Each structure stands twice: as C-alpha cells, then as structure tokens.
C-alpha atoms as a PDB file:
ATOM      1  CA  UNK A   1       0.000   0.000   0.000  1.00  0.00           C
ATOM      2  CA  UNK A   2       1.262   3.455  -0.912  1.00  0.00           C
ATOM      3  CA  UNK A   3       2.356   5.508   2.111  1.00  0.00           C
ATOM      4  CA  UNK A   4       0.916   8.967   2.692  1.00  0.00           C
ATOM      5  CA  UNK A   5       3.064  11.899   1.544  1.00  0.00           C
ATOM      6  CA  UNK A   6       3.806  12.927   5.150  1.00  0.00           C
ATOM      7  CA  UNK A   7       5.131   9.432   5.902  1.00  0.00           C
ATOM      8  CA  UNK A   8       7.417   9.555   2.865  1.00  0.00           C
ATOM      9  CA  UNK A   9       8.763  12.999   3.760  1.00  0.00           C
ATOM     10  CA  UNK A  10       9.258  11.979   7.387  1.00  0.00           C
ATOM     11  CA  UNK A  11      11.140   8.863   6.272  1.00  0.00           C
ATOM     12  CA  UNK A  12      13.390  10.897   3.994  1.00  0.00           C
ATOM     13  CA  UNK A  13      14.079  13.433   6.762  1.00  0.00           C
ATOM     14  CA  UNK A  14      15.081  10.497   8.981  1.00  0.00           C
ATOM     15  CA  UNK A  15      17.443   9.178   6.285  1.00  0.00           C
ATOM     16  CA  UNK A  16      18.986  12.635   5.809  1.00  0.00           C
ATOM     17  CA  UNK A  17      19.546  12.895   9.573  1.00  0.00           C
ATOM     18  CA  UNK A  18      21.239   9.494   9.561  1.00  0.00           C
ATOM     19  CA  UNK A  19      23.440  10.428   6.603  1.00  0.00           C
ATOM     20  CA  UNK A  20      24.545  13.710   8.179  1.00  0.00           C
ATOM     21  CA  UNK A  21      24.618  12.606  11.818  1.00  0.00           C
ATOM     22  CA  UNK A  22      28.397  12.944  12.148  1.00  0.00           C
ATOM     23  CA  UNK A  23      28.540  16.317  10.427  1.00  0.00           C
ATOM     24  CA  UNK A  24      28.592  19.518  12.442  1.00  0.00           C
ATOM     25  CA  UNK A  25      25.105  20.654  11.388  1.00  0.00           C
ATOM     26  CA  UNK A  26      21.857  21.647  13.077  1.00  0.00           C
ATOM     27  CA  UNK A  27      19.554  18.901  11.828  1.00  0.00           C
ATOM     28  CA  UNK A  28      16.587  19.830  14.044  1.00  0.00           C
ATOM     29  CA  UNK A  29      15.130  22.251  11.512  1.00  0.00           C
ATOM     30  CA  UNK A  30      15.055  19.932   8.490  1.00  0.00           C
ATOM     31  CA  UNK A  31      11.982  20.424   6.308  1.00  0.00           C
ATOM     32  CA  UNK A  32      10.821  19.930   2.755  1.00  0.00           C
ATOM     33  CA  UNK A  33      12.534  23.201   1.831  1.00  0.00           C
ATOM     34  CA  UNK A  34      15.952  22.049   3.030  1.00  0.00           C
ATOM     35  CA  UNK A  35      18.433  21.912   0.145  1.00  0.00           C
ATOM     36  CA  UNK A  36      20.757  18.926   0.263  1.00  0.00           C
ATOM     37  CA  UNK A  37      23.793  20.510  -1.386  1.00  0.00           C
ATOM     38  CA  UNK A  38      23.768  24.204  -0.462  1.00  0.00           C
ATOM     39  CA  UNK A  39      22.384  23.847   3.065  1.00  0.00           C
ATOM     40  CA  UNK A  40      23.674  20.435   4.149  1.00  0.00           C
ATOM     41  CA  UNK A  41      26.815  20.178   2.000  1.00  0.00           C
ATOM     42  CA  UNK A  42      25.862  16.827   0.479  1.00  0.00           C
ATOM     43  CA  UNK A  43      28.316  15.709  -2.193  1.00  0.00           C
ATOM     44  CA  UNK A  44      27.133  13.868  -5.289  1.00  0.00           C
ATOM     45  CA  UNK A  45      28.191  10.609  -3.612  1.00  0.00           C
ATOM     46  CA  UNK A  46      26.121  11.506  -0.526  1.00  0.00           C
ATOM     47  CA  UNK A  47      23.095  12.113  -2.765  1.00  0.00           C
ATOM     48  CA  UNK A  48      23.568   8.747  -4.500  1.00  0.00           C
ATOM     49  CA  UNK A  49      23.786   6.998  -1.117  1.00  0.00           C
ATOM     50  CA  UNK A  50      20.645   8.814   0.039  1.00  0.00           C
ATOM     51  CA  UNK A  51      18.746   7.767  -3.093  1.00  0.00           C
ATOM     52  CA  UNK A  52      19.762   4.143  -2.556  1.00  0.00           C
ATOM     53  CA  UNK A  53      18.650   4.392   1.089  1.00  0.00           C
ATOM     54  CA  UNK A  54      15.290   5.804  -0.018  1.00  0.00           C
ATOM     55  CA  UNK A  55      14.771   2.842  -2.343  1.00  0.00           C
ATOM     56  CA  UNK A  56      15.610   0.412   0.457  1.00  0.00           C
ATOM     57  CA  UNK A  57      13.386   2.154   3.002  1.00  0.00           C
ATOM     58  CA  UNK A  58      10.338   2.231   0.748  1.00  0.00           C
ATOM     59  CA  UNK A  59      11.028  -1.033  -1.077  1.00  0.00           C
ATOM     60  CA  UNK A  60      10.770   0.550  -4.504  1.00  0.00           C
ATOM     61  CA  UNK A  61      13.137   0.810  -7.442  1.00  0.00           C
ATOM     62  CA  UNK A  62      12.687   4.371  -8.681  1.00  0.00           C
ATOM     63  CA  UNK A  63      13.866   5.886 -11.955  1.00  0.00           C
ATOM     64  CA  UNK A  64      15.707   8.890 -10.561  1.00  0.00           C
ATOM     65  CA  UNK A  65      16.799  10.131 -13.972  1.00  0.00           C
ATOM     66  CA  UNK A  66      13.526  12.056 -14.314  1.00  0.00           C
ATOM     67  CA  UNK A  67      14.292  13.831 -11.056  1.00  0.00           C
ATOM     68  CA  UNK A  68      18.010  14.420 -11.517  1.00  0.00           C
ATOM     69  CA  UNK A  69      18.253  15.393 -15.194  1.00  0.00           C
ATOM     70  CA  UNK A  70      16.500  18.476 -16.559  1.00  0.00           C
ATOM     71  CA  UNK A  71      16.898  19.496 -20.206  1.00  0.00           C
ATOM     72  CA  UNK A  72      19.812  17.092 -20.618  1.00  0.00           C
ATOM     73  CA  UNK A  73      21.763  18.543 -17.688  1.00  0.00           C
ATOM     74  CA  UNK A  74      22.283  17.049 -14.247  1.00  0.00           C
ATOM     75  CA  UNK A  75      20.742  19.153 -11.509  1.00  0.00           C
ATOM     76  CA  UNK A  76      23.134  20.514  -8.917  1.00  0.00           C
ATOM     77  CA  UNK A  77      20.541  20.950  -6.157  1.00  0.00           C
ATOM     78  CA  UNK A  78      17.707  18.912  -4.724  1.00  0.00           C
ATOM     79  CA  UNK A  79      15.488  19.614  -1.740  1.00  0.00           C
ATOM     80  CA  UNK A  80      13.973  17.121   0.660  1.00  0.00           C
ATOM     81  CA  UNK A  81      10.520  18.162  -0.576  1.00  0.00           C
ATOM     82  CA  UNK A  82      11.406  17.597  -4.232  1.00  0.00           C
ATOM     83  CA  UNK A  83      12.694  14.123  -3.421  1.00  0.00           C
ATOM     84  CA  UNK A  84       9.634  13.386  -1.266  1.00  0.00           C
ATOM     85  CA  UNK A  85       7.209  14.488  -4.007  1.00  0.00           C
ATOM     86  CA  UNK A  86       9.072  12.402  -6.560  1.00  0.00           C
ATOM     87  CA  UNK A  87       8.906   9.281  -4.375  1.00  0.00           C
ATOM     88  CA  UNK A  88       5.208   9.882  -3.677  1.00  0.00           C
ATOM     89  CA  UNK A  89       4.366  10.405  -7.355  1.00  0.00           C
ATOM     90  CA  UNK A  90       6.479   7.509  -8.630  1.00  0.00           C
ATOM     91  CA  UNK A  91       5.747   5.038  -5.831  1.00  0.00           C
ATOM     92  CA  UNK A  92       3.195   2.977  -7.750  1.00  0.00           C
ATOM     93  CA  UNK A  93       5.247   3.084 -10.965  1.00  0.00           C
ATOM     94  CA  UNK A  94       8.425   1.852  -9.332  1.00  0.00           C
ATOM     95  CA  UNK A  95       9.228  -1.818  -9.294  1.00  0.00           C
ATOM     96  CA  UNK A  96       9.846  -3.727  -6.116  1.00  0.00           C
ATOM     97  CA  UNK A  97      13.186  -2.627  -4.721  1.00  0.00           C
ATOM     98  CA  UNK A  98      15.887  -4.090  -2.502  1.00  0.00           C
ATOM     99  CA  UNK A  99      14.069  -3.938   0.827  1.00  0.00           C
ATOM    100  CA  UNK A 100      11.130  -5.945  -0.477  1.00  0.00           C
ATOM    101  CA  UNK A 101      13.041  -8.429  -2.577  1.00  0.00           C
ATOM    102  CA  UNK A 102      12.767 -12.011  -1.374  1.00  0.00           C
ATOM    103  CA  UNK A 103      16.032 -13.771  -0.545  1.00  0.00           C
ATOM    104  CA  UNK A 104      17.159 -16.418  -3.046  1.00  0.00           C
ATOM    105  CA  UNK A 105      15.894 -19.936  -2.475  1.00  0.00           C
ATOM    106  CA  UNK A 106      18.408 -22.393  -1.075  1.00  0.00           C
ATOM    107  CA  UNK A 107      18.867 -25.733  -2.787  1.00  0.00           C
END
C-alpha cells in the first residue's frame, strides 16, 4: 500500500539525519525546503547513497533520472521536498526494490 506523503517525507528526513549525523550541522530544523547541497553540504556521492537508502526504506526501485536530469543537464541541487514528491508520485510506478526483494531460495 502506498504511504501517505507525510510518511514519505518523514522517512526521507530520517534518512537525511542518519546520513549527516556525524557532520557539524543543526539537523533539528530539516523540512521539505531544506536543500541537500547548499544547506547540508551533500556531495554527489552523498546524494547517491541517500537515493539508494530511499529505495531500500520504501522497497521501490525508482527511476531517478527524471528527477536528476532536466533538459539534458544534471541538476546541482535537490530539496527534501522535491525528493519526497518524486517518491510519492512515482511510488506505484516503481518496481519492487531491494528492501522488499525475497532472498534467493536455497537448494
């Protein structure tokens, strides 16, 4: 069943807090408007790790290209809200992801 938008955004905020827990940042004020790169200093590798964590948390394989590429150019900024809206809108279109995948059968 598709989670409510608020549950998706809350889950992503939790993942962002986990990713940046060891950084010297005030993570109490995270919201949908929080920019990952300019406000939290996420590198491109941090963003990729976050996207993989989102797929695992929600058990969906999402086609992030639509979110990350605009007019043939990679975006340099992404907010928590933009990511949350994308996950909410694409949730039913995404295939089953890593968290929901069944383990291989043993012989």
